[in-house]
């Protein structure tokens, strides 16, 4: 059986100077899901945007949530799609 791979996009506002935040989130996610993700794309977006999308499904939208995502919650959402049986260690606890 062929392993499925996924594309993750992090849409960020360059005018808001959110590229470092997007890069940090990409690093966190690649470290955790290096075998499951084909790629992570950093996508410059409109003002105020910080959105994380997995295969065209929005996982997090800063405007809708009114805050930035925590790595733990994004890791759990990605895991639920790409490897539901996987234990995330400390990211699954409290």
C-alpha atoms as a PDB file:
ATOM      1  CA  UNK A   1       0.000   0.000   0.000  1.00  0.00           C
ATOM      2  CA  UNK A   2       1.342   3.420  -0.966  1.00  0.00           C
ATOM      3  CA  UNK A   3       1.875   5.811   1.914  1.00  0.00           C
ATOM      4  CA  UNK A   4      -0.341   8.847   1.660  1.00  0.00           C
ATOM      5  CA  UNK A   5       1.399  12.179   1.851  1.00  0.00           C
ATOM      6  CA  UNK A   6      -0.173  15.513   2.621  1.00  0.00           C
ATOM      7  CA  UNK A   7       0.400  19.165   1.713  1.00  0.00           C
ATOM      8  CA  UNK A   8       0.188  21.739   4.472  1.00  0.00           C
ATOM      9  CA  UNK A   9      -0.051  25.459   3.777  1.00  0.00           C
ATOM     10  CA  UNK A  10       0.591  28.255   6.235  1.00  0.00           C
ATOM     11  CA  UNK A  11      -0.939  31.478   4.918  1.00  0.00           C
ATOM     12  CA  UNK A  12       0.533  34.533   6.631  1.00  0.00           C
ATOM     13  CA  UNK A  13       0.473  38.320   6.326  1.00  0.00           C
ATOM     14  CA  UNK A  14       3.895  39.628   5.247  1.00  0.00           C
ATOM     15  CA  UNK A  15       2.902  43.225   6.075  1.00  0.00           C
ATOM     16  CA  UNK A  16       2.180  42.137   9.659  1.00  0.00           C
ATOM     17  CA  UNK A  17       5.684  40.600   9.801  1.00  0.00           C
ATOM     18  CA  UNK A  18       4.300  37.134  10.529  1.00  0.00           C
ATOM     19  CA  UNK A  19       6.819  35.253   8.374  1.00  0.00           C
ATOM     20  CA  UNK A  20       8.987  34.309  11.405  1.00  0.00           C
ATOM     21  CA  UNK A  21       5.900  32.920  13.178  1.00  0.00           C
ATOM     22  CA  UNK A  22       4.954  30.942  10.050  1.00  0.00           C
ATOM     23  CA  UNK A  23       8.505  29.572   9.746  1.00  0.00           C
ATOM     24  CA  UNK A  24       8.569  28.563  13.404  1.00  0.00           C
ATOM     25  CA  UNK A  25       5.223  26.763  13.037  1.00  0.00           C
ATOM     26  CA  UNK A  26       6.468  25.021   9.877  1.00  0.00           C
ATOM     27  CA  UNK A  27       9.574  23.835  11.737  1.00  0.00           C
ATOM     28  CA  UNK A  28       7.490  22.490  14.623  1.00  0.00           C
ATOM     29  CA  UNK A  29       5.181  20.617  12.256  1.00  0.00           C
ATOM     30  CA  UNK A  30       7.937  19.225  10.023  1.00  0.00           C
ATOM     31  CA  UNK A  31       9.776  17.940  13.074  1.00  0.00           C
ATOM     32  CA  UNK A  32       6.665  16.081  14.225  1.00  0.00           C
ATOM     33  CA  UNK A  33       5.309  14.934  10.851  1.00  0.00           C
ATOM     34  CA  UNK A  34       8.396  14.488   8.665  1.00  0.00           C
ATOM     35  CA  UNK A  35       7.155  11.081   7.443  1.00  0.00           C
ATOM     36  CA  UNK A  36       3.543  12.121   6.856  1.00  0.00           C
ATOM     37  CA  UNK A  37       3.843  15.493   5.144  1.00  0.00           C
ATOM     38  CA  UNK A  38       5.037  15.845   1.568  1.00  0.00           C
ATOM     39  CA  UNK A  39       5.564  19.552   1.987  1.00  0.00           C
ATOM     40  CA  UNK A  40       4.769  22.668   3.928  1.00  0.00           C
ATOM     41  CA  UNK A  41       4.202  25.782   1.855  1.00  0.00           C
ATOM     42  CA  UNK A  42       4.516  29.286   3.246  1.00  0.00           C
ATOM     43  CA  UNK A  43       1.935  31.374   1.400  1.00  0.00           C
ATOM     44  CA  UNK A  44       1.992  35.196   1.577  1.00  0.00           C
ATOM     45  CA  UNK A  45      -1.593  36.385   2.086  1.00  0.00           C
ATOM     46  CA  UNK A  46      -3.729  39.469   2.582  1.00  0.00           C
ATOM     47  CA  UNK A  47      -3.342  41.742   5.608  1.00  0.00           C
ATOM     48  CA  UNK A  48      -4.234  40.123   8.929  1.00  0.00           C
ATOM     49  CA  UNK A  49      -4.281  36.551   7.630  1.00  0.00           C
ATOM     50  CA  UNK A  50      -2.709  33.642   9.494  1.00  0.00           C
ATOM     51  CA  UNK A  51      -4.342  30.408   8.388  1.00  0.00           C
ATOM     52  CA  UNK A  52      -3.232  26.768   8.393  1.00  0.00           C
ATOM     53  CA  UNK A  53      -4.642  24.500   5.685  1.00  0.00           C
ATOM     54  CA  UNK A  54      -4.140  20.746   5.211  1.00  0.00           C
ATOM     55  CA  UNK A  55      -5.044  19.467   1.743  1.00  0.00           C
ATOM     56  CA  UNK A  56      -7.536  22.319   1.174  1.00  0.00           C
ATOM     57  CA  UNK A  57      -9.139  21.860   4.625  1.00  0.00           C
ATOM     58  CA  UNK A  58      -8.741  24.815   6.981  1.00  0.00           C
ATOM     59  CA  UNK A  59      -7.382  23.681  10.335  1.00  0.00           C
ATOM     60  CA  UNK A  60      -7.028  27.118  11.880  1.00  0.00           C
ATOM     61  CA  UNK A  61      -7.919  30.692  10.969  1.00  0.00           C
ATOM     62  CA  UNK A  62      -6.613  33.510  13.182  1.00  0.00           C
ATOM     63  CA  UNK A  63      -9.410  35.867  12.156  1.00  0.00           C
ATOM     64  CA  UNK A  64     -12.126  33.357  13.064  1.00  0.00           C
ATOM     65  CA  UNK A  65     -10.457  32.308  16.337  1.00  0.00           C
ATOM     66  CA  UNK A  66      -9.258  35.762  17.383  1.00  0.00           C
ATOM     67  CA  UNK A  67      -5.801  34.442  18.296  1.00  0.00           C
ATOM     68  CA  UNK A  68      -2.801  32.568  16.960  1.00  0.00           C
ATOM     69  CA  UNK A  69      -2.720  28.767  17.080  1.00  0.00           C
ATOM     70  CA  UNK A  70      -0.748  26.791  19.619  1.00  0.00           C
ATOM     71  CA  UNK A  71       1.514  24.121  18.099  1.00  0.00           C
ATOM     72  CA  UNK A  72      -0.133  21.467  20.295  1.00  0.00           C
ATOM     73  CA  UNK A  73      -3.625  22.046  18.888  1.00  0.00           C
ATOM     74  CA  UNK A  74      -2.391  22.094  15.281  1.00  0.00           C
ATOM     75  CA  UNK A  75      -0.354  18.917  15.818  1.00  0.00           C
ATOM     76  CA  UNK A  76      -3.439  17.184  17.209  1.00  0.00           C
ATOM     77  CA  UNK A  77      -5.579  18.281  14.255  1.00  0.00           C
ATOM     78  CA  UNK A  78      -2.970  17.145  11.732  1.00  0.00           C
ATOM     79  CA  UNK A  79      -2.470  13.853  13.555  1.00  0.00           C
ATOM     80  CA  UNK A  80      -6.222  13.184  13.533  1.00  0.00           C
ATOM     81  CA  UNK A  81      -6.107  13.295   9.719  1.00  0.00           C
ATOM     82  CA  UNK A  82      -2.717  11.873   8.752  1.00  0.00           C
ATOM     83  CA  UNK A  83      -2.062   9.301  11.526  1.00  0.00           C
ATOM     84  CA  UNK A  84      -5.034   8.911  13.898  1.00  0.00           C
ATOM     85  CA  UNK A  85      -3.425   6.006  15.763  1.00  0.00           C
ATOM     86  CA  UNK A  86      -0.259   7.969  16.515  1.00  0.00           C
ATOM     87  CA  UNK A  87       0.658   9.078  20.037  1.00  0.00           C
ATOM     88  CA  UNK A  88       2.013  12.630  20.140  1.00  0.00           C
ATOM     89  CA  UNK A  89       3.591  12.212  23.563  1.00  0.00           C
ATOM     90  CA  UNK A  90       3.514  15.476  25.526  1.00  0.00           C
ATOM     91  CA  UNK A  91       1.291  17.116  22.879  1.00  0.00           C
ATOM     92  CA  UNK A  92      -1.494  14.686  23.798  1.00  0.00           C
ATOM     93  CA  UNK A  93      -1.379  15.443  27.510  1.00  0.00           C
ATOM     94  CA  UNK A  94      -3.037  18.158  29.537  1.00  0.00           C
END
